[in-house]
PDB file of N, CA and C in Angstrom:
ATOM      1  N   UNK A   1       1.255  -0.573 -39.538  1.00  0.00           N
ATOM      2  CA  UNK A   1       0.507  -0.889 -40.743  1.00  0.00           C
ATOM      3  C   UNK A   1      -0.264   0.326 -41.224  1.00  0.00           C
ATOM      4  N   UNK A   2      -0.142   1.434 -40.538  1.00  0.00           N
ATOM      5  CA  UNK A   2      -0.847   2.638 -40.975  1.00  0.00           C
ATOM      6  C   UNK A   2      -0.011   3.482 -41.921  1.00  0.00           C
ATOM      7  N   UNK A   3       1.248   3.111 -42.147  1.00  0.00           N
ATOM      8  CA  UNK A   3       2.102   3.850 -43.072  1.00  0.00           C
ATOM      9  C   UNK A   3       1.595   3.627 -44.494  1.00  0.00           C
ATOM     10  N   UNK A   4       1.154   4.683 -45.190  1.00  0.00           N
ATOM     11  CA  UNK A   4       0.593   4.507 -46.535  1.00  0.00           C
ATOM     12  C   UNK A   4       1.589   3.973 -47.560  1.00  0.00           C
ATOM     13  N   UNK A   5       2.893   4.047 -47.266  1.00  0.00           N
ATOM     14  CA  UNK A   5       3.874   3.528 -48.217  1.00  0.00           C
ATOM     15  C   UNK A   5       4.217   2.056 -47.962  1.00  0.00           C
ATOM     16  N   UNK A   6       3.613   1.461 -46.927  1.00  0.00           N
ATOM     17  CA  UNK A   6       3.829   0.050 -46.620  1.00  0.00           C
ATOM     18  C   UNK A   6       3.230  -0.801 -47.744  1.00  0.00           C
ATOM     19  N   UNK A   7       3.998  -1.717 -48.342  1.00  0.00           N
ATOM     20  CA  UNK A   7       3.475  -2.522 -49.454  1.00  0.00           C
ATOM     21  C   UNK A   7       2.228  -3.337 -49.099  1.00  0.00           C
ATOM     22  N   UNK A   8       2.163  -3.865 -47.877  1.00  0.00           N
ATOM     23  CA  UNK A   8       0.973  -4.631 -47.478  1.00  0.00           C
ATOM     24  C   UNK A   8      -0.229  -3.698 -47.391  1.00  0.00           C
ATOM     25  N   UNK A   9      -0.037  -2.503 -46.874  1.00  0.00           N
ATOM     26  CA  UNK A   9      -1.114  -1.511 -46.796  1.00  0.00           C
ATOM     27  C   UNK A   9      -1.596  -1.145 -48.197  1.00  0.00           C
ATOM     28  N   UNK A  10      -0.667  -0.885 -49.089  1.00  0.00           N
ATOM     29  CA  UNK A  10      -1.025  -0.529 -50.465  1.00  0.00           C
ATOM     30  C   UNK A  10      -1.806  -1.658 -51.124  1.00  0.00           C
ATOM     31  N   UNK A  11      -1.330  -2.893 -50.966  1.00  0.00           N
ATOM     32  CA  UNK A  11      -1.963  -4.043 -51.601  1.00  0.00           C
ATOM     33  C   UNK A  11      -3.379  -4.265 -51.078  1.00  0.00           C
ATOM     34  N   UNK A  12      -3.571  -4.193 -49.763  1.00  0.00           N
ATOM     35  CA  UNK A  12      -4.882  -4.519 -49.205  1.00  0.00           C
ATOM     36  C   UNK A  12      -5.887  -3.392 -49.371  1.00  0.00           C
ATOM     37  N   UNK A  13      -5.462  -2.154 -49.216  1.00  0.00           N
ATOM     38  CA  UNK A  13      -6.407  -1.044 -49.269  1.00  0.00           C
ATOM     39  C   UNK A  13      -6.619  -0.499 -50.674  1.00  0.00           C
ATOM     40  N   UNK A  14      -5.823  -0.931 -51.641  1.00  0.00           N
ATOM     41  CA  UNK A  14      -6.048  -0.515 -53.024  1.00  0.00           C
ATOM     42  C   UNK A  14      -7.149  -1.349 -53.663  1.00  0.00           C
ATOM     43  N   UNK A  15      -7.448  -2.488 -53.054  1.00  0.00           N
ATOM     44  CA  UNK A  15      -8.438  -3.391 -53.628  1.00  0.00           C
ATOM     45  C   UNK A  15      -7.818  -4.373 -54.606  1.00  0.00           C
ATOM     46  N   UNK A  16      -6.509  -4.292 -54.808  1.00  0.00           N
ATOM     47  CA  UNK A  16      -5.841  -5.171 -55.766  1.00  0.00           C
ATOM     48  C   UNK A  16      -5.845  -6.616 -55.287  1.00  0.00           C
ATOM     49  N   UNK A  17      -5.513  -6.816 -54.022  1.00  0.00           N
ATOM     50  CA  UNK A  17      -5.445  -8.182 -53.503  1.00  0.00           C
ATOM     51  C   UNK A  17      -5.571  -8.129 -51.992  1.00  0.00           C
ATOM     52  N   UNK A  18      -6.368  -9.002 -51.439  1.00  0.00           N
ATOM     53  CA  UNK A  18      -6.513  -9.072 -49.990  1.00  0.00           C
ATOM     54  C   UNK A  18      -7.435  -7.993 -49.446  1.00  0.00           C
ATOM     55  N   UNK A  19      -7.700  -8.080 -48.158  1.00  0.00           N
ATOM     56  CA  UNK A  19      -8.533  -7.088 -47.485  1.00  0.00           C
ATOM     57  C   UNK A  19      -8.039  -6.925 -46.049  1.00  0.00           C
ATOM     58  N   UNK A  20      -8.680  -6.037 -45.306  1.00  0.00           N
ATOM     59  CA  UNK A  20      -8.234  -5.737 -43.942  1.00  0.00           C
ATOM     60  C   UNK A  20      -8.286  -6.976 -43.047  1.00  0.00           C
ATOM     61  N   UNK A  21      -9.289  -7.820 -43.209  1.00  0.00           N
ATOM     62  CA  UNK A  21      -9.405  -9.029 -42.399  1.00  0.00           C
ATOM     63  C   UNK A  21      -8.212  -9.956 -42.620  1.00  0.00           C
ATOM     64  N   UNK A  22      -7.782 -10.087 -43.855  1.00  0.00           N
ATOM     65  CA  UNK A  22      -6.641 -10.948 -44.149  1.00  0.00           C
ATOM     66  C   UNK A  22      -5.346 -10.368 -43.591  1.00  0.00           C
ATOM     67  N   UNK A  23      -5.220  -9.045 -43.585  1.00  0.00           N
ATOM     68  CA  UNK A  23      -4.039  -8.414 -42.988  1.00  0.00           C
ATOM     69  C   UNK A  23      -4.027  -8.664 -41.485  1.00  0.00           C
ATOM     70  N   UNK A  24      -5.193  -8.587 -40.850  1.00  0.00           N
ATOM     71  CA  UNK A  24      -5.271  -8.860 -39.414  1.00  0.00           C
ATOM     72  C   UNK A  24      -4.850 -10.295 -39.109  1.00  0.00           C
ATOM     73  N   UNK A  25      -5.243 -11.240 -39.955  1.00  0.00           N
ATOM     74  CA  UNK A  25      -4.853 -12.633 -39.747  1.00  0.00           C
ATOM     75  C   UNK A  25      -3.356 -12.828 -39.984  1.00  0.00           C
ATOM     76  N   UNK A  26      -2.777 -11.990 -40.821  1.00  0.00           N
ATOM     77  CA  UNK A  26      -1.349 -12.080 -41.103  1.00  0.00           C
ATOM     78  C   UNK A  26      -0.516 -11.620 -39.915  1.00  0.00           C
ATOM     79  N   UNK A  27      -0.923 -10.523 -39.263  1.00  0.00           N
ATOM     80  CA  UNK A  27      -0.105  -9.946 -38.190  1.00  0.00           C
ATOM     81  C   UNK A  27      -0.700 -10.128 -36.801  1.00  0.00           C
ATOM     82  N   UNK A  28      -1.986 -10.399 -36.690  1.00  0.00           N
ATOM     83  CA  UNK A  28      -2.640 -10.612 -35.397  1.00  0.00           C
ATOM     84  C   UNK A  28      -3.011 -12.066 -35.239  1.00  0.00           C
ATOM     85  N   UNK A  29      -3.995 -12.357 -34.406  1.00  0.00           N
ATOM     86  CA  UNK A  29      -4.419 -13.756 -34.273  1.00  0.00           C
ATOM     87  C   UNK A  29      -5.560 -14.041 -35.240  1.00  0.00           C
ATOM     88  N   UNK A  30      -5.637 -15.260 -35.713  1.00  0.00           N
ATOM     89  CA  UNK A  30      -6.658 -15.629 -36.700  1.00  0.00           C
ATOM     90  C   UNK A  30      -8.040 -15.679 -36.078  1.00  0.00           C
ATOM     91  N   UNK A  31      -8.138 -16.141 -34.839  1.00  0.00           N
ATOM     92  CA  UNK A  31      -9.420 -16.141 -34.141  1.00  0.00           C
ATOM     93  C   UNK A  31     -10.204 -17.428 -34.313  1.00  0.00           C
ATOM     94  N   UNK A  32     -11.530 -17.318 -34.215  1.00  0.00           N
ATOM     95  CA  UNK A  32     -12.410 -18.486 -34.285  1.00  0.00           C
ATOM     96  C   UNK A  32     -12.650 -18.893 -35.730  1.00  0.00           C
ATOM     97  N   UNK A  33     -12.709 -20.183 -35.957  1.00  0.00           N
ATOM     98  CA  UNK A  33     -12.984 -20.749 -37.274  1.00  0.00           C
ATOM     99  C   UNK A  33     -14.253 -21.590 -37.175  1.00  0.00           C
ATOM    100  N   UNK A  34     -14.846 -21.878 -38.318  1.00  0.00           N
ATOM    101  CA  UNK A  34     -16.036 -22.727 -38.320  1.00  0.00           C
ATOM    102  C   UNK A  34     -15.708 -24.059 -38.980  1.00  0.00           C
ATOM    103  N   UNK A  35     -16.470 -25.083 -38.590  1.00  0.00           N
ATOM    104  CA  UNK A  35     -16.283 -26.407 -39.181  1.00  0.00           C
ATOM    105  C   UNK A  35     -17.093 -26.485 -40.481  1.00  0.00           C
ATOM    106  N   UNK A  36     -17.026 -27.603 -41.210  1.00  0.00           N
ATOM    107  CA  UNK A  36     -17.741 -27.702 -42.486  1.00  0.00           C
ATOM    108  C   UNK A  36     -19.258 -27.513 -42.383  1.00  0.00           C
ATOM    109  N   UNK A  37     -19.836 -27.773 -41.207  1.00  0.00           N
ATOM    110  CA  UNK A  37     -21.275 -27.571 -41.032  1.00  0.00           C
ATOM    111  C   UNK A  37     -21.611 -26.128 -40.666  1.00  0.00           C
ATOM    112  N   UNK A  38     -20.606 -25.278 -40.504  1.00  0.00           N
ATOM    113  CA  UNK A  38     -20.840 -23.882 -40.165  1.00  0.00           C
ATOM    114  C   UNK A  38     -20.837 -23.584 -38.679  1.00  0.00           C
ATOM    115  N   UNK A  39     -20.592 -24.591 -37.837  1.00  0.00           N
ATOM    116  CA  UNK A  39     -20.548 -24.390 -36.386  1.00  0.00           C
ATOM    117  C   UNK A  39     -19.167 -23.877 -35.985  1.00  0.00           C
ATOM    118  N   UNK A  40     -19.140 -22.947 -35.019  1.00  0.00           N
ATOM    119  CA  UNK A  40     -17.864 -22.412 -34.549  1.00  0.00           C
ATOM    120  C   UNK A  40     -17.098 -23.472 -33.761  1.00  0.00           C
ATOM    121  N   UNK A  41     -15.811 -23.588 -34.016  1.00  0.00           N
ATOM    122  CA  UNK A  41     -14.941 -24.491 -33.270  1.00  0.00           C
ATOM    123  C   UNK A  41     -14.505 -23.763 -32.009  1.00  0.00           C
ATOM    124  N   UNK A  42     -14.607 -24.446 -30.857  1.00  0.00           N
ATOM    125  CA  UNK A  42     -14.362 -23.809 -29.561  1.00  0.00           C
ATOM    126  C   UNK A  42     -12.925 -23.328 -29.373  1.00  0.00           C
ATOM    127  N   UNK A  43     -11.978 -23.929 -30.052  1.00  0.00           N
ATOM    128  CA  UNK A  43     -10.570 -23.591 -29.877  1.00  0.00           C
ATOM    129  C   UNK A  43     -10.173 -22.486 -30.863  1.00  0.00           C
ATOM    130  N   UNK A  44      -9.925 -21.251 -30.378  1.00  0.00           N
ATOM    131  CA  UNK A  44      -9.520 -20.186 -31.313  1.00  0.00           C
ATOM    132  C   UNK A  44      -8.078 -20.383 -31.772  1.00  0.00           C
ATOM    133  N   UNK A  45      -7.789 -19.903 -32.949  1.00  0.00           N
ATOM    134  CA  UNK A  45      -6.419 -19.943 -33.458  1.00  0.00           C
ATOM    135  C   UNK A  45      -5.733 -18.681 -32.960  1.00  0.00           C
ATOM    136  N   UNK A  46      -4.804 -18.851 -32.014  1.00  0.00           N
ATOM    137  CA  UNK A  46      -4.169 -17.707 -31.373  1.00  0.00           C
ATOM    138  C   UNK A  46      -2.899 -17.260 -32.090  1.00  0.00           C
ATOM    139  N   UNK A  47      -2.365 -18.061 -32.971  1.00  0.00           N
ATOM    140  CA  UNK A  47      -1.168 -17.688 -33.724  1.00  0.00           C
ATOM    141  C   UNK A  47      -1.570 -16.867 -34.941  1.00  0.00           C
ATOM    142  N   UNK A  48      -0.582 -16.263 -35.575  1.00  0.00           N
ATOM    143  CA  UNK A  48      -0.860 -15.561 -36.822  1.00  0.00           C
ATOM    144  C   UNK A  48      -0.091 -16.232 -37.955  1.00  0.00           C
ATOM    145  N   UNK A  49      -0.382 -15.811 -39.162  1.00  0.00           N
ATOM    146  CA  UNK A  49       0.224 -16.465 -40.321  1.00  0.00           C
ATOM    147  C   UNK A  49       1.693 -16.098 -40.488  1.00  0.00           C
ATOM    148  N   UNK A  50       2.095 -14.954 -39.974  1.00  0.00           N
ATOM    149  CA  UNK A  50       3.494 -14.533 -40.084  1.00  0.00           C
ATOM    150  C   UNK A  50       4.400 -15.410 -39.230  1.00  0.00           C
ATOM    151  N   UNK A  51       3.955 -15.737 -38.019  1.00  0.00           N
ATOM    152  CA  UNK A  51       4.767 -16.535 -37.098  1.00  0.00           C
ATOM    153  C   UNK A  51       4.566 -18.029 -37.287  1.00  0.00           C
ATOM    154  N   UNK A  52       3.486 -18.428 -37.907  1.00  0.00           N
ATOM    155  CA  UNK A  52       3.224 -19.839 -38.168  1.00  0.00           C
ATOM    156  C   UNK A  52       2.194 -20.420 -37.224  1.00  0.00           C
ATOM    157  N   UNK A  53       1.554 -21.484 -37.658  1.00  0.00           N
ATOM    158  CA  UNK A  53       0.501 -22.144 -36.898  1.00  0.00           C
ATOM    159  C   UNK A  53       1.008 -23.477 -36.367  1.00  0.00           C
ATOM    160  N   UNK A  54       0.434 -23.901 -35.243  1.00  0.00           N
ATOM    161  CA  UNK A  54       0.724 -25.253 -34.757  1.00  0.00           C
ATOM    162  C   UNK A  54      -0.018 -26.243 -35.651  1.00  0.00           C
ATOM    163  N   UNK A  55       0.272 -27.514 -35.499  1.00  0.00           N
ATOM    164  CA  UNK A  55      -0.394 -28.535 -36.304  1.00  0.00           C
ATOM    165  C   UNK A  55      -1.905 -28.502 -36.083  1.00  0.00           C
ATOM    166  N   UNK A  56      -2.331 -28.364 -34.828  1.00  0.00           N
ATOM    167  CA  UNK A  56      -3.765 -28.307 -34.513  1.00  0.00           C
ATOM    168  C   UNK A  56      -4.402 -27.079 -35.151  1.00  0.00           C
ATOM    169  N   UNK A  57      -3.751 -25.927 -35.022  1.00  0.00           N
ATOM    170  CA  UNK A  57      -4.303 -24.696 -35.595  1.00  0.00           C
ATOM    171  C   UNK A  57      -4.366 -24.784 -37.116  1.00  0.00           C
ATOM    172  N   UNK A  58      -3.351 -25.379 -37.719  1.00  0.00           N
ATOM    173  CA  UNK A  58      -3.344 -25.542 -39.167  1.00  0.00           C
ATOM    174  C   UNK A  58      -4.499 -26.433 -39.625  1.00  0.00           C
ATOM    175  N   UNK A  59      -4.715 -27.536 -38.915  1.00  0.00           N
ATOM    176  CA  UNK A  59      -5.802 -28.454 -39.260  1.00  0.00           C
ATOM    177  C   UNK A  59      -7.149 -27.758 -39.158  1.00  0.00           C
ATOM    178  N   UNK A  60      -7.342 -26.981 -38.098  1.00  0.00           N
ATOM    179  CA  UNK A  60      -8.602 -26.254 -37.921  1.00  0.00           C
ATOM    180  C   UNK A  60      -8.788 -25.240 -39.046  1.00  0.00           C
ATOM    181  N   UNK A  61      -7.727 -24.543 -39.415  1.00  0.00           N
ATOM    182  CA  UNK A  61      -7.860 -23.523 -40.454  1.00  0.00           C
ATOM    183  C   UNK A  61      -8.109 -24.131 -41.828  1.00  0.00           C
ATOM    184  N   UNK A  62      -7.744 -25.394 -42.029  1.00  0.00           N
ATOM    185  CA  UNK A  62      -7.964 -26.049 -43.318  1.00  0.00           C
ATOM    186  C   UNK A  62      -9.443 -26.305 -43.600  1.00  0.00           C
ATOM    187  N   UNK A  63     -10.272 -26.413 -42.557  1.00  0.00           N
ATOM    188  CA  UNK A  63     -11.707 -26.617 -42.780  1.00  0.00           C
ATOM    189  C   UNK A  63     -12.260 -25.525 -43.685  1.00  0.00           C
ATOM    190  N   UNK A  64     -11.974 -24.285 -43.352  1.00  0.00           N
ATOM    191  CA  UNK A  64     -12.494 -23.168 -44.132  1.00  0.00           C
ATOM    192  C   UNK A  64     -11.941 -23.127 -45.539  1.00  0.00           C
ATOM    193  N   UNK A  65     -10.671 -23.439 -45.692  1.00  0.00           N
ATOM    194  CA  UNK A  65     -10.058 -23.419 -47.017  1.00  0.00           C
ATOM    195  C   UNK A  65     -10.694 -24.471 -47.922  1.00  0.00           C
ATOM    196  N   UNK A  66     -10.869 -25.670 -47.398  1.00  0.00           N
ATOM    197  CA  UNK A  66     -11.495 -26.730 -48.198  1.00  0.00           C
ATOM    198  C   UNK A  66     -12.934 -26.373 -48.532  1.00  0.00           C
ATOM    199  N   UNK A  67     -13.657 -25.826 -47.571  1.00  0.00           N
ATOM    200  CA  UNK A  67     -15.047 -25.445 -47.814  1.00  0.00           C
ATOM    201  C   UNK A  67     -15.125 -24.380 -48.906  1.00  0.00           C
ATOM    202  N   UNK A  68     -14.190 -23.434 -48.895  1.00  0.00           N
ATOM    203  CA  UNK A  68     -14.165 -22.399 -49.925  1.00  0.00           C
ATOM    204  C   UNK A  68     -13.941 -22.969 -51.310  1.00  0.00           C
ATOM    205  N   UNK A  69     -13.040 -23.925 -51.428  1.00  0.00           N
ATOM    206  CA  UNK A  69     -12.760 -24.550 -52.723  1.00  0.00           C
ATOM    207  C   UNK A  69     -13.979 -25.324 -53.214  1.00  0.00           C
ATOM    208  N   UNK A  70     -14.608 -26.077 -52.334  1.00  0.00           N
ATOM    209  CA  UNK A  70     -15.788 -26.860 -52.716  1.00  0.00           C
ATOM    210  C   UNK A  70     -16.939 -25.937 -53.105  1.00  0.00           C
ATOM    211  N   UNK A  71     -17.175 -24.882 -52.336  1.00  0.00           N
ATOM    212  CA  UNK A  71     -18.252 -23.942 -52.658  1.00  0.00           C
ATOM    213  C   UNK A  71     -18.036 -23.301 -54.024  1.00  0.00           C
ATOM    214  N   UNK A  72     -16.787 -22.947 -54.330  1.00  0.00           N
ATOM    215  CA  UNK A  72     -16.482 -22.361 -55.635  1.00  0.00           C
ATOM    216  C   UNK A  72     -16.759 -23.364 -56.746  1.00  0.00           C
ATOM    217  N   UNK A  73     -16.367 -24.605 -56.560  1.00  0.00           N
ATOM    218  CA  UNK A  73     -16.600 -25.632 -57.578  1.00  0.00           C
ATOM    219  C   UNK A  73     -18.089 -25.863 -57.789  1.00  0.00           C
ATOM    220  N   UNK A  74     -18.860 -25.882 -56.712  1.00  0.00           N
ATOM    221  CA  UNK A  74     -20.306 -26.099 -56.825  1.00  0.00           C
ATOM    222  C   UNK A  74     -20.962 -24.926 -57.539  1.00  0.00           C
ATOM    223  N   UNK A  75     -20.567 -23.709 -57.190  1.00  0.00           N
ATOM    224  CA  UNK A  75     -21.138 -22.532 -57.856  1.00  0.00           C
ATOM    225  C   UNK A  75     -20.807 -22.542 -59.336  1.00  0.00           C
ATOM    226  N   UNK A  76     -19.581 -22.943 -59.682  1.00  0.00           N
ATOM    227  CA  UNK A  76     -19.173 -22.988 -61.081  1.00  0.00           C
ATOM    228  C   UNK A  76     -20.005 -24.009 -61.840  1.00  0.00           C
ATOM    229  N   UNK A  77     -20.201 -25.185 -61.263  1.00  0.00           N
ATOM    230  CA  UNK A  77     -20.985 -26.205 -61.963  1.00  0.00           C
ATOM    231  C   UNK A  77     -22.444 -25.791 -62.074  1.00  0.00           C
ATOM    232  N   UNK A  78     -22.986 -25.139 -61.045  1.00  0.00           N
ATOM    233  CA  UNK A  78     -24.370 -24.653 -61.113  1.00  0.00           C
ATOM    234  C   UNK A  78     -24.520 -23.613 -62.216  1.00  0.00           C
ATOM    235  N   UNK A  79     -23.555 -22.703 -62.325  1.00  0.00           N
ATOM    236  CA  UNK A  79     -23.613 -21.672 -63.361  1.00  0.00           C
ATOM    237  C   UNK A  79     -23.496 -22.296 -64.745  1.00  0.00           C
ATOM    238  N   UNK A  80     -22.630 -23.291 -64.902  1.00  0.00           N
ATOM    239  CA  UNK A  80     -22.486 -23.973 -66.183  1.00  0.00           C
ATOM    240  C   UNK A  80     -23.752 -24.712 -66.574  1.00  0.00           C
ATOM    241  N   UNK A  81     -24.395 -25.348 -65.602  1.00  0.00           N
ATOM    242  CA  UNK A  81     -25.642 -26.060 -65.869  1.00  0.00           C
ATOM    243  C   UNK A  81     -26.727 -25.077 -66.287  1.00  0.00           C
ATOM    244  N   UNK A  82     -26.818 -23.943 -65.587  1.00  0.00           N
ATOM    245  CA  UNK A  82     -27.818 -22.931 -65.926  1.00  0.00           C
ATOM    246  C   UNK A  82     -27.575 -22.396 -67.330  1.00  0.00           C
ATOM    247  N   UNK A  83     -26.336 -22.137 -67.682  1.00  0.00           N
ATOM    248  CA  UNK A  83     -26.012 -21.644 -69.024  1.00  0.00           C
ATOM    249  C   UNK A  83     -26.421 -22.658 -70.078  1.00  0.00           C
ATOM    250  N   UNK A  84     -26.111 -23.923 -69.849  1.00  0.00           N
ATOM    251  CA  UNK A  84     -26.476 -24.963 -70.811  1.00  0.00           C
ATOM    252  C   UNK A  84     -27.987 -25.030 -70.994  1.00  0.00           C
ATOM    253  N   UNK A  85     -28.723 -24.949 -69.889  1.00  0.00           N
ATOM    254  CA  UNK A  85     -30.194 -24.988 -69.977  1.00  0.00           C
ATOM    255  C   UNK A  85     -30.742 -23.784 -70.742  1.00  0.00           C
ATOM    256  N   UNK A  86     -30.181 -22.606 -70.492  1.00  0.00           N
ATOM    257  CA  UNK A  86     -30.634 -21.408 -71.204  1.00  0.00           C
ATOM    258  C   UNK A  86     -30.361 -21.514 -72.697  1.00  0.00           C
ATOM    259  N   UNK A  87     -29.211 -22.049 -73.071  1.00  0.00           N
ATOM    260  CA  UNK A  87     -28.891 -22.234 -74.488  1.00  0.00           C
ATOM    261  C   UNK A  87     -29.869 -23.207 -75.117  1.00  0.00           C
ATOM    262  N   UNK A  88     -30.204 -24.289 -74.431  1.00  0.00           N
ATOM    263  CA  UNK A  88     -31.165 -25.259 -74.955  1.00  0.00           C
ATOM    264  C   UNK A  88     -32.534 -24.625 -75.165  1.00  0.00           C
ATOM    265  N   UNK A  89     -32.927 -23.740 -74.266  1.00  0.00           N
ATOM    266  CA  UNK A  89     -34.253 -23.124 -74.355  1.00  0.00           C
ATOM    267  C   UNK A  89     -34.328 -22.128 -75.506  1.00  0.00           C
ATOM    268  N   UNK A  90     -33.282 -21.339 -75.721  1.00  0.00           N
ATOM    269  CA  UNK A  90     -33.361 -20.269 -76.722  1.00  0.00           C
ATOM    270  C   UNK A  90     -32.730 -20.638 -78.062  1.00  0.00           C
ATOM    271  N   UNK A  91     -32.190 -21.831 -78.214  1.00  0.00           N
ATOM    272  CA  UNK A  91     -31.504 -22.153 -79.464  1.00  0.00           C
ATOM    273  C   UNK A  91     -32.448 -22.132 -80.659  1.00  0.00           C
ATOM    274  N   UNK A  92     -33.710 -22.468 -80.472  1.00  0.00           N
ATOM    275  CA  UNK A  92     -34.641 -22.447 -81.597  1.00  0.00           C
ATOM    276  C   UNK A  92     -34.956 -21.018 -82.035  1.00  0.00           C
ATOM    277  N   UNK A  93     -34.731 -20.050 -81.179  1.00  0.00           N
ATOM    278  CA  UNK A  93     -34.988 -18.651 -81.526  1.00  0.00           C
ATOM    279  C   UNK A  93     -33.882 -18.087 -82.423  1.00  0.00           C
ATOM    280  N   UNK A  94     -32.713 -18.685 -82.400  1.00  0.00           N
ATOM    281  CA  UNK A  94     -31.581 -18.171 -83.168  1.00  0.00           C
ATOM    282  C   UNK A  94     -31.571 -18.681 -84.600  1.00  0.00           C
ATOM    283  N   UNK A  95     -32.251 -19.769 -84.882  1.00  0.00           N
ATOM    284  CA  UNK A  95     -32.204 -20.348 -86.225  1.00  0.00           C
ATOM    285  C   UNK A  95     -33.520 -20.260 -86.910  1.00  0.00           C
TER     286      UNK A  95
END
């Protein structure tokens, strides 16, 4: 993975998509994951994404993916609410 002409190397180190941690999970072991409350799950994911995960490892890895989607949705709604409130506060200044 140190070959600069490797497409995965170019993609991750150019900043276009992915990062070094994601490349490690692709070719190495994924490692420890956390549950929705943020506590580490005792069973590490020893497989990598290239070779595939067992059903148990896949289920454990889904906790983080779901949490990421929910966090993004909450941040988006919070930002939208803040924008709406700011517009309500300053709308009288525009007219």
